[in-house]
Protein backbone atom coordinates (compact mmCIF):
# COMPACT_ATOMS: atom_id res chain seq x y z
CA GLU A 1 6.54 15.28 -17.57
CA ALA A 2 5.61 18.66 -16.06
CA THR A 3 7.49 21.73 -17.25
CA SER A 4 7.53 25.46 -16.60
CA THR A 5 6.91 27.97 -19.37
CA SER A 6 8.99 30.81 -20.73
CA ILE A 7 7.04 33.29 -18.60
CA SER A 8 7.31 31.28 -15.36
CA ASP A 9 9.05 33.05 -12.50
CA THR A 10 12.36 31.81 -11.15
CA ASN A 11 10.83 29.92 -8.23
CA THR A 12 8.28 28.14 -10.46
CA GLN A 13 11.07 27.06 -12.79
CA ARG A 14 13.07 25.78 -9.81
CA VAL A 15 10.08 23.79 -8.49
CA PHE A 16 9.42 22.05 -11.81
CA GLU A 17 13.08 21.34 -12.39
CA THR A 18 13.28 19.75 -8.94
CA LEU A 19 10.13 17.70 -9.49
CA ASN A 20 11.39 16.40 -12.83
CA LYS A 21 14.53 15.08 -11.18
CA ILE A 22 12.46 12.70 -9.04
CA LYS A 23 12.55 9.17 -10.49
CA THR A 24 10.72 7.33 -7.70
CA ASP A 25 7.26 6.21 -8.88
CA LEU A 26 4.86 6.82 -5.99
CA VAL A 27 1.07 6.99 -6.26
CA VAL A 28 -0.53 8.58 -3.19
CA ASN A 29 -4.26 8.04 -2.67
CA TYR A 30 -5.89 10.52 -0.26
CA ARG A 31 -8.62 8.66 1.63
CA ASN A 32 -11.57 9.97 3.59
CA GLU A 33 -11.74 6.63 5.40
CA ASN A 34 -9.52 4.66 7.76
CA LYS A 35 -8.59 1.07 6.92
CA PHE A 36 -6.29 0.52 9.90
CA LYS A 37 -7.52 -2.36 12.05
CA ASP A 38 -9.30 -1.15 15.23
CA HIS A 39 -9.15 2.44 13.95
CA GLU A 40 -11.86 2.36 11.28
CA ASN A 41 -13.76 5.27 12.88
CA HIS A 42 -10.71 7.35 13.81
CA TRP A 43 -10.38 9.71 10.86
CA GLU A 44 -11.37 13.13 9.62
CA ALA A 45 -11.96 14.38 6.11
CA PHE A 46 -9.19 16.17 4.28
CA THR A 47 -9.53 19.95 4.28
CA PRO A 48 -7.83 22.30 1.80
CA GLN A 49 -5.22 22.96 4.49
CA THR A 50 -4.45 19.34 5.42
CA ALA A 51 -4.47 18.32 1.74
CA GLU A 52 -1.93 21.04 0.96
CA GLU A 53 0.23 20.25 3.99
CA PHE A 54 0.22 16.49 3.32
CA THR A 55 1.03 17.04 -0.35
CA ASN A 56 3.90 19.44 0.34
CA LEU A 57 5.36 17.12 2.97
CA MET A 58 5.13 14.02 0.76
CA LEU A 59 6.70 15.83 -2.21
CA ASN A 60 9.68 16.91 -0.14
CA MET A 61 10.08 13.53 1.57
CA ILE A 62 10.13 11.66 -1.75
CA ALA A 63 12.59 14.22 -3.12
CA VAL A 64 14.86 13.50 -0.13
CA LEU A 65 14.64 9.72 -0.51
CA ASP A 66 15.16 9.99 -4.26
CA SER A 67 18.20 12.25 -3.96
CA GLN A 68 21.76 11.12 -4.59
CA SER A 69 22.71 12.63 -1.23
CA TRP A 70 20.36 10.28 0.63
CA GLY A 71 21.42 7.21 -1.36
CA ASP A 72 25.09 8.01 -0.78
CA ALA A 73 24.45 8.63 2.93
CA ILE A 74 22.82 5.21 3.34
CA LEU A 75 25.49 3.38 1.34
CA ASN A 76 28.35 5.14 3.16
CA ALA A 77 26.81 5.01 6.63
CA PRO A 78 29.57 4.19 9.16
CA PHE A 79 27.20 1.98 11.14
CA GLU A 80 24.86 -0.97 10.63
CA PHE A 81 21.16 -0.84 9.86
CA THR A 82 19.13 -3.59 11.54
CA ASN A 83 15.56 -4.84 11.64
CA SER A 84 13.76 -7.75 13.29
CA SER A 85 10.10 -8.70 13.58
CA THR A 86 10.60 -9.97 17.15
CA ASP A 87 9.33 -8.09 20.22
CA CYS A 88 12.15 -6.05 21.70
CA ASP A 89 10.02 -3.91 24.03
CA ASN A 90 8.83 -6.82 26.17
CA ASP A 91 11.86 -9.08 25.77
CA PRO A 92 15.19 -7.17 25.77
CA SER A 93 17.08 -10.36 24.92
CA LYS A 94 15.56 -10.16 21.42
CA CYS A 95 16.68 -6.56 20.76
CA VAL A 96 18.92 -6.19 17.70
CA ASN A 97 19.68 -2.47 18.04
CA PRO A 98 23.28 -1.44 17.30
CA GLY A 99 25.42 -0.28 20.18
CA VAL A 100 26.78 3.24 20.66
CA ASN A 101 29.50 2.38 18.14
CA GLY A 102 26.86 1.57 15.50
CA LEU A 103 27.55 -2.18 15.45
CA VAL A 104 25.34 -5.03 16.63
CA ASN A 105 26.50 -7.88 18.81
CA SER A 106 28.01 -10.79 16.92
CA GLN A 107 24.99 -13.03 17.60
CA ASN A 108 22.70 -10.52 15.85
CA LYS A 109 24.63 -10.17 12.60
CA SER A 110 21.88 -11.99 10.73
CA TYR A 111 19.60 -8.98 11.35
CA VAL A 112 21.96 -6.52 9.65
CA LEU A 113 20.37 -5.09 6.48
CA ASN A 114 22.01 -4.74 3.10
CA LYS A 115 22.36 -1.01 2.49
CA GLN A 116 21.62 -1.18 -1.22
CA ASP A 117 18.44 -3.13 -0.43
CA ILE A 118 17.35 -0.28 1.85
CA VAL A 119 17.83 2.26 -0.93
CA ASN A 120 15.96 0.06 -3.40
CA LYS A 121 13.05 -0.56 -1.05
CA PHE A 122 12.43 3.14 -0.42
CA ARG A 123 12.66 3.91 -4.15
CA ASN A 124 10.64 1.01 -5.54
CA LYS A 125 7.37 1.67 -7.32
CA ALA A 126 4.76 2.12 -4.59
CA ASP A 127 1.08 2.79 -3.97
CA LEU A 128 0.28 4.56 -0.68
CA ASP A 129 -3.09 5.27 0.95
CA VAL A 130 -2.97 8.26 3.33
CA VAL A 131 -5.51 9.41 5.91
CA VAL A 132 -5.82 12.12 8.56
CA LEU A 133 -6.28 10.48 11.98
CA LYS A 134 -8.64 11.74 14.68
CA ASP A 135 -9.26 10.47 18.24
CA SER A 136 -7.09 7.43 17.55
CA GLY A 137 -4.95 7.72 20.67
CA VAL A 138 -1.79 7.85 18.52
CA VAL A 139 -0.18 10.55 16.40
CA GLY A 140 0.61 8.22 13.52
CA LEU A 141 0.02 4.79 12.00
CA GLY A 142 1.78 3.00 9.18
CA SER A 143 1.69 -0.50 7.72
CA ASP A 144 2.87 -2.57 4.77
CA ILE A 145 -0.19 -4.06 3.03
CA THR A 146 1.55 -5.58 0.01
CA PRO A 147 -0.12 -8.96 -0.70
CA SER A 148 2.25 -11.90 -0.30
CA ASN A 149 1.30 -13.15 -3.77
CA ASN A 150 1.49 -9.73 -5.43
CA ASP A 151 2.92 -9.91 -8.95
CA ASP A 152 2.63 -6.35 -10.29
CA GLY A 153 6.01 -5.23 -8.98
CA LYS A 154 4.45 -2.58 -6.74
CA HIS A 155 4.75 -2.02 -3.01
CA TYR A 156 1.52 -1.16 -1.15
CA GLY A 157 1.26 0.71 2.14
CA GLN A 158 -1.04 2.87 4.24
CA LEU A 159 -0.05 5.90 6.30
CA GLY A 160 -2.03 8.04 8.74
CA VAL A 161 -1.12 10.98 10.95
CA VAL A 162 -3.06 13.51 13.01
CA ALA A 163 -3.58 16.93 11.42
CA SER A 164 -1.27 18.65 13.91
CA ALA A 165 1.64 16.45 12.76
CA LEU A 166 1.48 18.18 9.36
CA ASP A 167 2.00 21.71 10.72
CA PRO A 168 5.09 23.10 8.92
CA LYS A 169 6.13 25.22 11.92
CA LYS A 170 6.14 22.16 14.18
CA LEU A 171 8.22 20.25 11.66
CA PHE A 172 10.58 22.99 10.51
CA GLY A 173 10.52 25.68 13.20
CA ASN A 174 9.31 29.27 13.09
CA ASP A 175 11.78 30.05 10.31
CA LEU A 176 10.52 27.01 8.34
CA LYS A 177 14.12 26.06 7.64
CA THR A 178 15.23 24.02 10.67
CA ILE A 179 14.13 20.40 11.11
CA ASN A 180 12.62 19.42 14.44
CA LEU A 181 13.35 15.69 14.44
CA GLU A 182 11.09 15.06 17.42
CA ASP A 183 8.08 15.98 15.26
CA LEU A 184 9.36 14.95 11.82
CA ARG A 185 10.04 11.54 13.36
CA THR A 186 6.30 10.75 13.18
CA ILE A 187 6.22 10.87 9.38
CA LEU A 188 9.54 9.09 8.89
CA HIS A 189 8.72 6.43 11.50
CA GLU A 190 5.32 5.59 9.99
CA PHE A 191 6.56 5.77 6.39
CA SER A 192 9.29 3.27 7.30
CA HIS A 193 6.52 0.98 8.62
CA THR A 194 4.87 1.12 5.17
CA LYS A 195 8.08 -0.42 3.80
CA GLY A 196 7.80 -3.36 6.20
CA TYR A 197 10.24 -2.28 8.91
CA GLY A 198 9.34 -2.84 12.58
CA HIS A 199 10.21 -1.39 15.98
CA ASN A 200 13.12 -3.73 16.67
CA GLY A 201 16.22 -2.20 15.11
CA ASN A 202 17.10 1.30 13.93
CA MET A 203 14.78 1.68 10.93
CA THR A 204 11.76 3.23 12.70
CA TYR A 205 13.44 4.39 15.91
CA GLN A 206 17.05 5.41 16.46
CA ARG A 207 17.34 3.35 19.67
CA VAL A 208 20.83 4.51 20.63
CA PRO A 209 21.84 3.02 24.02
CA VAL A 210 21.93 5.49 26.93
CA MET A 211 25.35 5.28 28.59
CA LYS A 212 26.31 6.04 32.21
CA ASN A 213 29.82 5.55 33.59
CA GLY A 214 30.78 3.57 30.51
CA GLN A 215 27.85 1.14 30.88
CA VAL A 216 24.41 0.96 29.31
CA GLU A 217 21.97 2.50 31.75
CA ARG A 218 18.99 0.39 32.82
CA ASP A 219 15.52 1.29 34.04
CA ASN A 220 13.89 0.11 37.28
CA ASN A 221 12.96 -3.20 35.63
CA GLY A 222 16.53 -3.86 34.52
CA LYS A 223 15.74 -3.16 30.86
CA PRO A 224 18.52 -1.39 28.90
CA LYS A 225 17.63 2.21 28.10
CA ASP A 226 17.81 3.56 24.58
CA SER A 227 16.85 6.91 23.13
CA ASP A 228 16.07 8.76 19.95
CA GLY A 229 18.01 11.96 19.34
CA LEU A 230 21.39 10.58 20.41
CA PRO A 231 24.24 10.05 17.88
CA TYR A 232 26.55 7.11 17.36
CA ASN A 233 30.22 7.41 18.31
CA VAL A 234 32.15 5.35 15.77
CA CYS A 235 35.62 6.81 16.30
CA SER A 236 36.99 3.47 17.50
CA LEU A 237 36.21 1.92 14.12
CA TYR A 238 37.84 4.41 11.74
CA GLY A 239 41.15 6.09 11.09
CA GLY A 240 43.37 3.74 13.08
CA SER A 241 45.92 1.22 11.91
CA ASN A 242 44.35 -1.20 9.40
CA GLN A 243 41.03 0.65 9.73
CA PRO A 244 39.09 2.35 6.92
CA ALA A 245 38.91 6.12 6.63
CA PHE A 246 35.89 7.85 8.12
CA PRO A 247 33.44 8.53 5.23
CA SER A 248 33.56 12.31 5.35
CA ASN A 249 35.10 13.07 1.97
CA TYR A 250 32.53 11.87 -0.56
CA PRO A 251 30.48 14.70 -2.19
CA ASN A 252 27.83 16.21 0.11
CA SER A 253 28.74 13.89 2.98
CA ILE A 254 26.66 14.33 6.13
CA TYR A 255 29.30 12.59 8.24
CA HIS A 256 31.59 15.27 9.65
CA ASN A 257 32.44 14.01 13.15
CA CYS A 258 33.01 10.36 14.06
CA ALA A 259 31.76 11.10 17.58
CA ASP A 260 28.51 12.66 16.35
CA VAL A 261 27.08 10.39 13.63
CA PRO A 262 23.33 10.68 12.81
CA ALA A 263 21.83 7.38 13.97
CA GLY A 264 19.66 4.98 12.01
CA PHE A 265 17.24 5.65 9.17
CA LEU A 266 15.69 8.60 11.02
CA GLY A 267 19.00 10.31 11.75
CA VAL A 268 20.41 9.89 8.24
CA THR A 269 17.19 10.97 6.51
CA ALA A 270 16.74 14.02 8.74
CA ALA A 271 20.37 15.07 8.18
CA VAL A 272 20.04 14.82 4.39
CA TRP A 273 16.66 16.60 4.53
CA GLN A 274 18.27 19.48 6.43
CA GLN A 275 21.15 19.58 3.96
CA LEU A 276 18.73 19.83 1.01
CA ILE A 277 16.74 22.57 2.77
CA ASN A 278 19.96 24.54 3.19
CA GLN A 279 20.72 24.05 -0.52
CA ASN A 280 17.15 25.05 -1.53
CA ALA A 281 17.08 21.75 -3.43
CA LEU A 282 13.58 20.55 -2.45
CA PRO A 283 10.38 21.14 -4.45
CA ILE A 284 8.65 22.99 -1.62
CA ASN A 285 10.45 25.87 0.06
CA TYR A 286 8.20 26.52 3.05
CA ALA A 287 9.95 29.79 3.85
CA ASN A 288 8.91 31.21 0.46
CA LEU A 289 5.36 29.84 0.27
CA GLY A 290 3.83 32.88 1.95
CA SER A 291 5.28 35.25 -0.66
CA GLN A 292 3.95 33.33 -3.65
CA THR A 293 0.84 34.49 -5.49
CA ASN A 294 -2.20 32.27 -4.94
CA TYR A 295 -4.27 31.88 -8.10
CA ASN A 296 -7.75 30.55 -7.36
CA LEU A 297 -8.44 28.72 -10.59
CA ASN A 298 -11.42 26.68 -9.39
CA ALA A 299 -13.05 27.55 -6.11
CA SER A 300 -15.25 24.45 -6.22
CA LEU A 301 -12.40 21.99 -6.76
CA ASN A 302 -12.85 18.93 -4.55
CA THR A 303 -10.16 18.81 -1.86
CA GLN A 304 -9.45 15.10 -2.18
CA ASP A 305 -9.32 15.30 -5.98
CA LEU A 306 -6.95 18.25 -5.67
CA ALA A 307 -4.61 16.30 -3.42
CA ASN A 308 -4.67 13.24 -5.64
CA SER A 309 -3.97 15.33 -8.74
CA MET A 310 -1.17 17.32 -7.12
CA LEU A 311 0.84 14.29 -6.13
CA GLY A 312 1.67 11.06 -7.85
CA THR A 313 1.49 9.34 -11.12
CA ILE A 314 -1.50 10.40 -13.19
CA GLN A 315 -4.22 7.89 -12.52
CA LYS A 316 -7.53 6.69 -13.86
CA THR A 317 -9.74 4.36 -11.88
CA PHE A 318 -12.11 1.80 -13.30
CA VAL A 319 -14.38 0.31 -10.65
CA THR A 320 -16.83 -2.55 -11.14
CA SER A 321 -18.41 -5.20 -9.00
CA SER A 322 -15.58 -7.56 -9.75
CA VAL A 323 -12.33 -5.72 -10.51
CA THR A 324 -10.65 -2.36 -9.99
CA ASN A 325 -8.31 -1.23 -12.74
CA HIS A 326 -5.74 1.57 -12.52
CA TYR A 327 -4.91 3.26 -15.82
CA SER A 328 -1.97 5.61 -16.29
CA SER A 329 -1.56 7.77 -19.36
CA SER A 330 -1.13 11.37 -20.39
CA ALA A 331 -4.40 12.53 -18.83
CA SER A 332 -6.17 12.09 -15.53
CA GLN A 333 -9.79 11.00 -15.36
CA SER A 334 -11.90 8.75 -13.17
CA PHE A 335 -14.78 6.73 -14.56
CA ARG A 336 -17.16 3.96 -13.63
CA SER A 337 -18.47 1.26 -15.91
CA PRO A 338 -20.11 -2.09 -15.11
CA ILE A 339 -18.70 -5.38 -16.29
CA LEU A 340 -21.42 -7.59 -17.72
CA GLY A 341 -21.21 -11.12 -19.00
CA VAL A 342 -22.55 -14.63 -19.32
CA ASN A 343 -21.59 -17.99 -17.88
CA ALA A 344 -22.29 -21.58 -18.76
CA LYS A 345 -22.30 -24.52 -16.33
CA ILE A 346 -22.58 -28.24 -16.80
CA GLY A 347 -22.53 -30.77 -14.04
CA TYR A 348 -24.24 -33.38 -11.91
CA GLN A 349 -26.36 -33.03 -8.78
CA ASN A 350 -27.35 -35.76 -6.34
CA TYR A 351 -29.84 -35.45 -3.49
CA PHE A 352 -29.52 -37.82 -0.53
CA ASN A 353 -33.05 -36.97 0.64
CA ASP A 354 -35.57 -34.15 0.24
CA PHE A 355 -33.30 -31.69 2.02
CA ILE A 356 -29.59 -32.26 1.34
CA GLY A 357 -27.63 -32.77 -1.86
CA LEU A 358 -24.37 -32.05 -3.65
CA ALA A 359 -23.71 -30.49 -7.04
CA TYR A 360 -20.48 -30.88 -9.05
CA TYR A 361 -19.93 -28.69 -12.08
CA GLY A 362 -17.61 -27.13 -14.60
CA ILE A 363 -18.04 -23.47 -15.49
CA VAL A 364 -16.98 -21.04 -18.21
CA LYS A 365 -17.55 -17.28 -17.84
CA TYR A 366 -17.13 -14.35 -20.21
CA ASN A 367 -17.32 -10.71 -19.08
CA TYR A 368 -17.00 -7.55 -21.14
CA SER A 369 -16.85 -3.79 -20.65
CA LYS A 370 -15.78 -0.75 -22.62
CA ALA A 371 -14.61 2.61 -21.29
CA LEU A 372 -12.46 5.41 -22.70
CA ASN A 373 -12.17 3.52 -26.00
CA GLN A 374 -10.61 0.55 -24.22
CA LYS A 375 -12.22 -2.89 -24.30
CA PHE A 376 -11.89 -5.07 -21.21
CA GLN A 377 -12.56 -8.79 -21.55
CA GLN A 378 -12.37 -11.47 -18.92
CA LEU A 379 -12.55 -15.19 -19.66
CA SER A 380 -12.71 -17.57 -16.71
CA TYR A 381 -13.00 -21.32 -16.50
CA GLY A 382 -12.82 -23.89 -13.74
CA GLY A 383 -14.90 -26.19 -11.58
CA GLY A 384 -16.65 -26.31 -8.25
CA ILE A 385 -18.78 -28.13 -5.73
CA ASP A 386 -21.90 -26.87 -3.92
CA LEU A 387 -23.81 -28.09 -0.89
CA LEU A 388 -27.57 -27.94 -1.62
CA LEU A 389 -30.03 -27.36 1.22
CA ASP A 390 -33.73 -27.34 0.28
CA PHE A 391 -36.26 -26.00 2.76
CA ILE A 392 -39.38 -26.72 0.71
CA THR A 393 -39.95 -29.68 -1.63
CA THR A 394 -43.33 -30.45 -3.20
CA TYR A 395 -44.67 -33.34 -5.26
CA SER A 396 -47.64 -33.35 -7.63
CA ASN A 397 -48.85 -36.70 -6.23
CA LYS A 398 -47.83 -36.34 -2.60
CA ASN A 399 -51.06 -38.04 -1.43
CA SER A 400 -50.47 -41.18 -3.49
CA PRO A 401 -50.35 -44.53 -1.65
CA ILE A 402 -47.03 -45.72 -0.24
CA GLY A 403 -44.97 -47.48 -2.86
CA VAL A 404 -46.13 -45.30 -5.72
CA GLN A 405 -43.26 -43.20 -7.14
CA ARG A 406 -43.67 -39.52 -6.33
CA ASN A 407 -43.55 -36.95 -9.13
CA PHE A 408 -41.30 -34.00 -8.27
CA SER A 409 -42.97 -30.61 -8.63
CA SER A 410 -40.82 -27.86 -7.07
CA SER A 411 -38.23 -26.99 -4.44
CA PHE A 412 -36.72 -23.92 -2.80
CA GLY A 413 -33.47 -23.65 -0.87
CA ILE A 414 -29.96 -22.31 -0.59
CA PHE A 415 -26.57 -23.41 -1.85
CA GLY A 416 -22.99 -22.73 -0.88
CA GLY A 417 -19.65 -24.02 -2.05
CA LEU A 418 -16.23 -23.42 -3.53
CA ARG A 419 -15.10 -22.98 -7.11
CA GLY A 420 -11.59 -22.79 -8.52
CA LEU A 421 -11.20 -20.41 -11.45
CA TYR A 422 -8.48 -19.34 -13.82
CA ASN A 423 -9.14 -15.77 -14.96
CA SER A 424 -7.67 -14.38 -18.17
CA TYR A 425 -7.82 -10.60 -18.67
CA TYR A 426 -7.65 -9.16 -22.20
CA VAL A 427 -6.81 -5.44 -22.56
CA LEU A 428 -4.32 -3.31 -24.52
CA ASN A 429 -3.91 -6.27 -26.91
CA LYS A 430 -2.31 -8.23 -24.10
CA VAL A 431 -3.38 -11.10 -21.86
CA LYS A 432 -2.80 -11.59 -18.13
CA GLY A 433 -3.83 -14.73 -16.27
CA SER A 434 -4.54 -15.23 -12.59
CA GLY A 435 -5.97 -18.15 -10.62
CA ASN A 436 -8.28 -17.79 -7.62
CA LEU A 437 -10.58 -19.66 -5.29
CA ASP A 438 -14.12 -18.31 -4.95
CA VAL A 439 -16.81 -19.01 -2.40
CA ALA A 440 -20.28 -19.01 -3.99
CA THR A 441 -23.62 -18.84 -2.22
CA GLY A 442 -27.21 -17.97 -3.06
CA LEU A 443 -30.78 -19.17 -3.54
CA ASN A 444 -32.15 -22.01 -5.70
CA TYR A 445 -35.68 -22.43 -7.01
CA ARG A 446 -36.61 -25.42 -9.16
CA TYR A 447 -39.89 -26.03 -10.94
CA LYS A 448 -40.02 -29.43 -12.63
CA HIS A 449 -37.02 -29.45 -14.98
CA SER A 450 -36.28 -25.71 -14.80
CA LYS A 451 -33.89 -24.42 -12.14
CA TYR A 452 -33.29 -20.76 -11.27
CA SER A 453 -30.34 -19.59 -9.16
CA VAL A 454 -29.29 -16.16 -7.94
CA GLY A 455 -26.19 -15.59 -5.85
CA ILE A 456 -22.80 -14.04 -5.34
CA SER A 457 -19.27 -15.37 -5.76
CA ILE A 458 -16.45 -13.90 -3.67
CA PRO A 459 -12.73 -14.37 -4.48
CA LEU A 460 -10.93 -15.56 -1.34
CA ILE A 461 -7.37 -14.71 -2.42
CA GLN A 462 -6.31 -11.06 -2.63
CA ARG A 463 -4.51 -10.88 -5.93
CA LYS A 464 -3.38 -8.26 -8.44
CA ALA A 465 -2.84 -8.85 -12.15
CA SER A 466 -1.28 -6.02 -14.14
CA VAL A 467 -1.21 -5.42 -17.89
CA VAL A 468 1.29 -2.85 -19.17
CA SER A 469 1.72 -1.49 -22.69
CA SER A 470 4.51 0.97 -23.46
CA GLY A 471 5.01 3.25 -26.43
CA GLY A 472 7.73 5.67 -27.34
CA ASP A 473 6.50 8.43 -25.02
CA TYR A 474 3.74 6.84 -22.95
CA THR A 475 2.93 3.91 -20.73
CA ASN A 476 -0.57 2.51 -20.29
CA SER A 477 -1.25 0.11 -17.47
CA PHE A 478 -4.21 -1.61 -15.88
CA VAL A 479 -4.17 -3.38 -12.53
CA PHE A 480 -6.95 -5.94 -11.99
CA ASN A 481 -7.64 -6.42 -8.29
CA GLU A 482 -9.22 -9.66 -7.12
CA GLY A 483 -10.39 -10.12 -3.56
CA ALA A 484 -13.31 -10.19 -1.18
CA SER A 485 -14.33 -6.60 -1.94
CA HIS A 486 -14.64 -7.40 -5.67
CA PHE A 487 -17.50 -9.91 -5.59
CA LYS A 488 -19.72 -10.88 -8.53
CA VAL A 489 -23.52 -11.14 -8.66
CA PHE A 490 -24.98 -13.77 -10.98
CA PHE A 491 -28.26 -15.28 -12.17
CA ASN A 492 -28.41 -18.73 -13.75
CA TYR A 493 -31.11 -20.69 -15.52
CA GLY A 494 -30.60 -24.42 -15.80
CA TRP A 495 -32.31 -27.54 -17.12
CA VAL A 496 -32.31 -30.60 -14.89
CA PHE A 497 -32.61 -33.88 -16.77
């Protein structure tokens, strides 16, 4: 928990008090790389300015989404939230956007979202990679990258925007106090994508139908027109006989006029954001930033490290050839340490001729590492099958007459196959198990009874196994990542009977 001191000025005390009210657990990783498909080269390195702007914007956005005002606004919204993975842009018949009155057609009721689920999804524990885009042809990108078999309770996403989209004056006007939804929409739209919401519905766009003479206006292709920036008119649904009251009376309501209701996730979030700006209830008050004293504590501080330390849960990273572990405690430090180990195999191999064979085996592996006074142990066991392809095979009596048994001398070739493993991780006096399927490949050299193999094994299933240990005032956690980027290199010596 971060706190101000007795000599902190009023604004510093306000900032820390506001930060400490945030309960949403979000880890933001600032990346000088781009992992978006087809955009791998479209990025630029964080600068002190973009790191500061991204950090300030993320702090305020999370404060908005974590606020009671936002939760109440979602739960009391006098319209329906919808989302569908189908393509609305090219097939209007699949559109599930609410009408001007905020309700969907009866046949699309299955696409209406539970409002409490929306609140929970935006406040769940999350890990977000962010990048500054360049020459990408778009102003923003966002995606949900949570593995389908994820079991650590976290949500994973990636978010990228161009540097100009972070400019406070574009987002909040020259006075830095008035939201410009047209520009703030980029961040909200892409962040909603990181939560798994698509373009069909009102979770990334507002998509309010454009009306003309009481009918939905259509373009030259006959497609219904919709627009961002328009409100819902829900007056026909509230205040009449046997109708509920318009939700304008709960504390800090943003709903003041039934004919001018902020539409969709974007409209509601922007309205609450503006309300909190007016109340000076956000961590970052852009209008006051220029008047604050800038203390240059470390002129050589790495920009990306600064951004990562300014925002998010305090994080340690343990990177090896096989697993990546995230460690959270009362201090922040990154470290690297190799995992080393041994393995034992027993099995049977059968060659059909001098070139092709199969090997069947069972395997047990033990790996160990130690860092920051923590011991990491991994025990794996399973079985596999390899295809053996020998390019060179020699015999000590190759010139013997036909019919005389040849004496094997040596061979050289490659192998490749699959192995199923169950991996048990031991750390913090706890155990976490996780199964995976590895592909293994490498080189074989055999001389008489001795066989030497060198190769790599690559987990095919992206998986995360977390180990958490909690004390009275701390929580330690490690996340073991398995996947193609966490391959293992091995050397084996064997005896062939």
